[in-house]
Protein backbone atom coordinates (compact mmCIF):
# COMPACT_ATOMS: atom_id res chain seq x y z
CA MET A 1 4.22 15.67 2.01
CA HIS A 2 3.80 14.18 5.47
CA PHE A 3 0.82 12.93 7.50
CA VAL A 4 1.20 12.88 11.29
CA LEU A 5 -1.36 10.59 12.90
CA PRO A 6 -1.96 8.46 16.01
CA ALA A 7 0.24 5.38 16.36
CA ASP A 8 -2.80 3.14 16.89
CA VAL A 9 -4.40 4.13 13.58
CA ALA A 10 -4.14 0.57 12.25
CA ASP A 11 -4.95 -1.23 15.53
CA PRO A 12 -7.61 -3.84 14.64
CA GLY A 13 -8.78 -3.83 18.25
CA SER A 14 -9.93 -0.21 18.14
CA PRO A 15 -11.26 0.60 14.69
CA SER A 16 -12.89 3.97 14.13
CA GLY A 17 -14.16 6.01 11.25
CA GLY A 18 -11.32 8.47 11.78
CA ASN A 19 -8.71 5.74 11.59
CA VAL A 20 -10.21 4.27 8.43
CA TYR A 21 -10.33 7.72 6.84
CA ASP A 22 -6.70 8.42 7.73
CA LEU A 23 -5.51 5.14 6.25
CA ARG A 24 -7.53 5.44 3.05
CA VAL A 25 -6.57 9.02 2.13
CA SER A 26 -2.91 8.78 3.14
CA ALA A 27 -1.71 6.70 0.19
CA GLY A 28 1.29 8.50 -1.26
CA LEU A 29 1.90 10.57 1.87
CA GLU A 30 4.73 9.85 4.29
CA ARG A 31 2.99 8.57 7.41
CA VAL A 32 4.49 9.70 10.71
CA LEU A 33 3.01 7.75 13.63
CA VAL A 34 3.13 9.32 17.07
CA ALA A 35 2.30 7.46 20.28
CA GLY A 36 0.45 9.11 23.13
CA ASP A 37 -2.75 9.39 25.12
CA TRP A 38 -4.40 11.86 22.77
CA PRO A 39 -5.60 14.59 22.71
CA ARG A 40 -3.65 15.69 25.84
CA PRO A 41 -0.79 13.23 26.42
CA SER A 42 1.21 13.49 29.62
CA ASP A 43 4.37 13.66 27.49
CA PRO A 44 4.09 15.48 24.13
CA THR A 45 7.69 14.68 23.20
CA ALA A 46 6.73 12.30 20.38
CA LEU A 47 4.81 15.00 18.54
CA GLU A 48 7.52 17.62 19.09
CA GLN A 49 10.21 15.30 17.78
CA ALA A 50 8.12 14.28 14.77
CA LEU A 51 7.51 17.88 13.70
CA ALA A 52 11.11 18.94 14.36
CA ALA A 53 12.37 16.21 12.03
CA ILE A 54 10.36 17.49 9.05
CA PRO A 55 12.32 19.82 6.72
CA ARG A 56 11.42 23.51 6.66
CA GLY A 57 8.79 24.44 4.10
CA ASP A 58 7.28 20.97 3.75
CA VAL A 59 3.53 20.41 3.76
CA VAL A 60 2.34 18.52 6.85
CA LEU A 61 -1.15 17.10 7.38
CA LEU A 62 -1.90 16.66 11.09
CA ASP A 63 -4.72 14.53 12.45
CA GLY A 64 -6.67 16.80 14.79
CA LEU A 65 -6.58 14.26 17.59
CA VAL A 66 -2.79 14.50 17.88
CA SER A 67 -2.56 18.25 17.29
CA CYS A 68 -5.58 20.24 18.44
CA GLY A 69 -4.90 19.79 22.15
CA LEU A 70 -1.27 20.92 21.95
CA PRO A 71 -0.97 24.45 20.57
CA GLU A 72 2.23 24.92 22.60
CA VAL A 73 3.82 22.24 20.39
CA VAL A 74 2.10 22.82 17.05
CA VAL A 75 1.84 26.60 16.74
CA PRO A 76 5.62 27.31 16.83
CA HIS A 77 6.08 24.88 13.92
CA THR A 78 3.55 26.76 11.77
CA ARG A 79 6.31 29.36 11.26
CA ARG A 80 8.49 26.85 9.41
CA LEU A 81 6.03 24.25 8.04
CA GLU A 82 2.86 24.42 5.94
CA ILE A 83 0.55 22.76 8.46
CA VAL A 84 -2.91 21.46 7.54
CA VAL A 85 -5.12 20.11 10.32
CA LEU A 86 -7.67 17.36 9.64
CA VAL A 87 -10.56 17.63 12.12
CA HIS A 88 -12.63 14.47 12.53
CA LEU A 89 -14.46 15.67 15.66
CA PRO A 90 -13.93 18.96 17.52
CA LEU A 91 -12.31 18.08 20.84
CA ALA A 92 -14.98 19.87 22.87
CA ASP A 93 -17.75 17.80 21.25
CA GLU A 94 -16.74 14.50 22.82
CA THR A 95 -19.65 13.24 24.94
CA GLY A 96 -19.27 13.33 28.71
CA LEU A 97 -16.89 16.28 29.09
CA ASP A 98 -17.62 18.72 31.89
CA PRO A 99 -18.12 22.34 30.74
CA ALA A 100 -14.73 23.52 32.02
CA THR A 101 -12.84 20.76 30.20
CA ALA A 102 -14.82 21.33 27.00
CA ALA A 103 -14.08 25.08 27.11
CA PHE A 104 -10.39 24.38 27.77
CA LEU A 105 -10.11 22.00 24.82
CA ASN A 106 -12.08 24.32 22.55
CA GLU A 107 -9.65 27.17 23.29
CA LYS A 108 -6.63 24.95 22.65
CA GLU A 109 -8.11 23.73 19.38
CA GLY A 110 -8.86 27.27 18.25
CA GLN A 111 -5.25 28.29 18.75
CA VAL A 112 -4.04 25.44 16.55
CA LEU A 113 -6.62 25.89 13.79
CA ARG A 114 -6.15 29.66 13.54
CA ALA A 115 -2.38 29.19 13.18
CA ALA A 116 -2.67 26.44 10.55
CA SER A 117 -2.29 27.14 6.85
CA ALA A 118 -5.51 25.23 6.17
CA VAL A 119 -8.11 23.10 7.93
CA VAL A 120 -9.88 20.06 6.48
CA ALA A 121 -13.29 18.95 7.75
CA THR A 122 -15.00 15.73 6.78
CA SER A 123 -18.47 17.14 6.05
CA PRO A 124 -20.11 20.43 5.03
CA THR A 125 -21.93 20.62 8.37
CA ALA A 126 -18.68 20.14 10.31
CA ALA A 127 -16.93 22.76 8.17
CA ARG A 128 -19.63 25.35 8.90
CA ASP A 129 -19.41 24.59 12.60
CA ILE A 130 -15.62 24.91 12.66
CA ARG A 131 -15.71 28.18 10.71
CA THR A 132 -18.26 29.68 13.10
CA ARG A 133 -16.75 28.25 16.28
CA HIS A 134 -13.21 29.48 15.66
CA GLY A 135 -13.71 32.38 13.23
CA LEU A 136 -11.92 30.71 10.32
CA ASP A 137 -12.06 31.24 6.58
CA HIS A 138 -9.60 28.55 5.45
CA VAL A 139 -11.68 25.40 6.04
CA HIS A 140 -11.99 22.84 3.23
CA VAL A 141 -14.32 19.84 2.96
CA VAL A 142 -13.14 16.35 2.02
CA VAL A 143 -15.90 13.83 2.65
CA PRO A 144 -15.12 10.14 3.24
CA GLY A 145 -15.47 7.70 0.38
CA THR A 146 -16.99 4.25 0.10
CA ASP A 147 -16.04 0.98 -1.54
CA PRO A 148 -18.29 -1.01 -3.85
CA ALA A 149 -20.30 -3.42 -1.70
CA PRO A 150 -22.71 -6.30 -2.19
CA LEU A 151 -26.39 -5.64 -1.64
CA ALA A 152 -27.85 -6.61 1.71
CA HIS A 153 -30.30 -9.50 1.58
CA GLY A 154 -31.23 -9.41 5.28
CA THR A 155 -33.25 -12.06 7.04
CA ASP A 156 -37.02 -11.62 6.80
CA GLY A 157 -36.67 -7.98 5.74
CA VAL A 158 -37.81 -6.63 9.10
CA HIS A 159 -36.44 -7.92 12.37
CA HIS A 160 -32.63 -8.01 12.29
CA LEU A 161 -31.20 -4.60 13.20
CA LEU A 162 -27.53 -3.62 12.98
CA CYS A 163 -25.52 -0.85 14.65
CA VAL A 164 -21.81 -0.39 13.88
CA ALA A 165 -20.12 1.97 16.33
CA SER A 166 -17.74 2.00 19.29
CA ILE A 167 -19.62 1.31 22.51
CA THR A 168 -19.31 4.82 23.93
CA PRO A 169 -21.85 7.35 25.28
CA ARG A 170 -21.52 9.49 22.12
CA LYS A 171 -22.85 6.68 19.93
CA GLY A 172 -26.16 6.46 21.82
CA HIS A 173 -26.47 2.71 22.32
CA ASP A 174 -28.34 3.40 25.55
CA LEU A 175 -30.99 5.41 23.67
CA LEU A 176 -31.31 2.70 21.04
CA VAL A 177 -31.69 -0.21 23.46
CA ARG A 178 -34.20 1.67 25.63
CA ALA A 179 -36.30 2.62 22.60
CA LEU A 180 -36.32 -0.95 21.30
CA ARG A 181 -37.27 -2.43 24.66
CA ARG A 182 -40.44 -0.34 24.64
CA ILE A 183 -41.56 -1.88 21.33
CA ASP A 184 -43.64 -5.04 21.61
CA ARG A 185 -42.25 -6.73 18.51
CA ASP A 186 -39.89 -9.57 17.69
CA TRP A 187 -36.48 -8.00 17.01
CA ARG A 188 -32.75 -8.66 17.27
CA LEU A 189 -30.02 -6.03 17.48
CA THR A 190 -26.37 -6.67 16.71
CA CYS A 191 -24.00 -3.96 17.98
CA VAL A 192 -20.66 -4.25 16.18
CA GLY A 193 -17.78 -2.24 17.63
CA PRO A 194 -15.03 -2.13 20.23
CA HIS A 195 -16.23 -2.83 23.76
CA ARG A 196 -15.75 0.03 26.20
CA PRO A 197 -16.50 0.39 29.94
CA PHE A 198 -19.78 2.06 28.89
CA LEU A 199 -21.05 -1.37 27.82
CA ARG A 200 -21.68 -2.24 31.46
CA GLU A 201 -24.04 0.73 31.79
CA LEU A 202 -26.35 -0.33 28.97
CA PRO A 203 -29.76 -1.87 29.71
CA HIS A 204 -29.50 -5.65 29.53
CA ASP A 205 -31.56 -7.49 26.96
CA ASP A 206 -30.95 -10.98 25.57
CA ARG A 207 -32.03 -9.78 22.12
CA VAL A 208 -28.95 -7.52 21.91
CA SER A 209 -25.57 -9.02 20.99
CA PHE A 210 -22.11 -7.44 21.11
CA PRO A 211 -19.67 -9.39 18.89
CA GLY A 212 -16.93 -6.76 19.26
CA PRO A 213 -15.09 -5.08 16.36
CA LEU A 214 -15.38 -6.74 12.96
CA ALA A 215 -13.45 -6.12 9.75
CA GLY A 216 -13.18 -7.49 6.23
CA GLU A 217 -15.54 -10.30 5.31
CA ALA A 218 -16.95 -10.53 8.82
CA LEU A 219 -18.07 -6.89 8.73
CA THR A 220 -19.42 -7.27 5.20
CA SER A 221 -21.45 -10.28 6.36
CA ALA A 222 -22.90 -8.21 9.21
CA TYR A 223 -24.12 -5.56 6.77
CA VAL A 224 -25.37 -8.06 4.20
CA GLY A 225 -27.29 -10.07 6.79
CA ALA A 226 -29.09 -7.09 8.35
CA ASP A 227 -32.56 -5.73 7.56
CA LEU A 228 -32.11 -2.22 9.00
CA PHE A 229 -29.15 -0.11 10.07
CA VAL A 230 -29.70 2.08 13.14
CA LEU A 231 -27.41 4.72 14.65
CA ALA A 232 -28.49 6.86 17.61
CA SER A 233 -25.37 9.05 17.89
CA ARG A 234 -25.41 12.15 20.02
CA ALA A 235 -22.72 13.78 17.86
CA GLU A 236 -20.98 12.97 14.57
CA THR A 237 -18.96 14.98 12.09
CA TYR A 238 -19.96 12.71 9.20
CA GLY A 239 -20.87 9.11 10.08
CA MET A 240 -18.94 6.78 7.77
CA VAL A 241 -20.80 3.70 8.99
CA VAL A 242 -23.96 5.18 7.52
CA THR A 243 -22.49 5.45 4.04
CA GLU A 244 -21.07 1.93 4.46
CA ALA A 245 -24.60 0.71 5.21
CA LEU A 246 -25.99 2.64 2.25
CA ALA A 247 -23.30 1.17 -0.01
CA HIS A 248 -24.96 -2.16 0.76
CA GLY A 249 -28.40 -0.73 -0.03
CA LEU A 250 -29.33 -1.18 3.63
CA PRO A 251 -32.22 0.97 4.95
CA VAL A 252 -31.08 3.48 7.58
CA ILE A 253 -32.63 5.23 10.59
CA ALA A 254 -30.08 7.52 12.23
CA SER A 255 -29.36 10.76 14.06
CA ALA A 256 -26.60 13.41 13.82
CA VAL A 257 -25.53 12.34 10.31
CA PRO A 258 -27.25 14.69 7.82
CA ASP A 259 -24.36 14.78 5.33
CA ALA A 260 -23.70 11.04 5.28
CA LEU A 261 -27.39 10.12 5.09
CA GLY A 262 -28.52 12.77 2.63
CA ASP A 263 -31.87 11.64 1.24
CA GLY A 264 -30.95 8.01 1.87
CA GLY A 265 -33.05 7.29 4.94
CA LEU A 266 -34.78 8.71 8.00
CA LEU A 267 -32.93 11.25 10.15
CA PHE A 268 -34.45 11.61 13.63
CA PRO A 269 -33.64 14.44 16.09
CA THR A 270 -30.52 13.88 18.17
CA GLU A 271 -31.15 12.40 21.65
CA ASP A 272 -34.90 12.17 20.97
CA GLU A 273 -35.68 8.71 22.30
CA ASN A 274 -39.39 9.08 21.62
CA ALA A 275 -38.76 9.97 17.97
CA LEU A 276 -36.48 6.96 17.65
CA GLU A 277 -39.11 4.68 19.18
CA ALA A 278 -41.74 6.07 16.79
CA ALA A 279 -39.49 5.54 13.77
CA LEU A 280 -38.67 1.97 14.77
CA THR A 281 -42.33 1.20 15.52
CA ARG A 282 -43.23 2.45 12.06
CA TRP A 283 -40.48 0.29 10.57
CA PHE A 284 -41.91 -2.84 12.19
CA GLU A 285 -45.57 -2.05 11.41
CA ASP A 286 -45.58 -0.27 8.03
CA GLN A 287 -44.51 -2.28 4.97
CA GLN A 288 -44.81 0.79 2.72
CA PHE A 289 -42.42 2.70 5.00
CA ARG A 290 -39.92 -0.17 4.84
CA SER A 291 -40.12 -0.19 1.06
CA GLU A 292 -39.60 3.58 0.94
CA LEU A 293 -36.49 3.37 3.10
CA ARG A 294 -35.09 0.63 0.87
CA ARG A 295 -35.75 2.73 -2.22
CA LYS A 296 -34.03 5.73 -0.67
CA ALA A 297 -31.02 3.64 0.34
CA LEU A 298 -30.59 2.30 -3.19
CA ALA A 299 -30.87 5.79 -4.70
CA ARG A 300 -28.25 7.15 -2.28
CA ARG A 301 -26.02 4.13 -2.98
CA ALA A 302 -25.82 5.14 -6.63
CA VAL A 303 -24.29 8.57 -5.89
CA LEU A 304 -21.90 7.91 -2.99
CA SER A 305 -18.36 9.25 -3.31
CA THR A 306 -15.49 6.82 -3.80
CA TRP A 307 -12.24 6.77 -1.82
CA ASP A 308 -10.35 7.69 -4.99
CA GLU A 309 -12.43 10.87 -5.19
CA SER A 310 -11.80 11.65 -1.53
CA THR A 311 -8.06 11.12 -1.90
CA GLU A 312 -7.95 13.36 -4.94
CA ASP A 313 -9.93 16.09 -3.14
CA LEU A 314 -7.41 16.03 -0.28
CA ARG A 315 -4.48 16.14 -2.70
CA ARG A 316 -5.90 19.30 -4.27
CA VAL A 317 -6.07 21.01 -0.87
CA LEU A 318 -2.50 20.04 -0.01
CA ALA A 319 -1.20 21.00 -3.47
CA THR A 320 -2.27 24.61 -2.96
CA LEU A 321 0.32 24.87 -0.18
CA ARG A 322 3.32 23.54 -2.07
CA PRO A 323 6.03 26.16 -2.57
């Protein structure tokens, strides 16, 4: 079986939840890396050549980023290959798209997903959305896993906040910084993630630091040294950073991540800056609330899926398509 995915999947300078997921579940699959400016590269030759080289009848898992924008390339190959598409985020849901571009990408994606033998989504909520959006009945769910992680000890238990996410409009750093600046409390926010042009548009505050992307022990230290994890995303299909935080027993306040968070923290309405401010104010002022969030995080930590379970779930989906 083959897994076709973006060539930059292992680039340490641009980590993402999708890339981590791809790398963790692809053990045992033949990785086929394709270069391009996805999802609509100026030259789709790399994808065409990669698919043409795969023997007829083989099972092929395609990352949605490299496939959902190119039905003219992918759909013809569904007649000779068992193609499964892994959707991390529907193309039309990327923040900042104008309505015409979003509609265009949604139509392209629908063509690919309807022609595929199966579709894999990374959360139950995302699967329901994809089924409804494109009229599909062959969507499977394979949620991301987590690794065992040391418990967070924090600083004073209150004031050091952590956000792990690429600095893009979809991740809502602007909402988070604005909400915090309205709170008259001593706080520090560390925003871990690749720097993007959007960084220049964020409100400036000396209490906010941007160390860039972190991995390995450096990322673990960021989680362990935090008191609260906050994510103000405008859209997510799952939210792996939330389960990473919960794996450390770190309290969480977040939006757009109902499946990742479960009962493990406080979920506030997407793009509701006032609700975020209220939740953070309560965090700073209410010791009982802080204790409740810690209790919820520890309870959720005990039932998180492992990467071995995720990999096995994906294998079962792919195995149904073997001749």
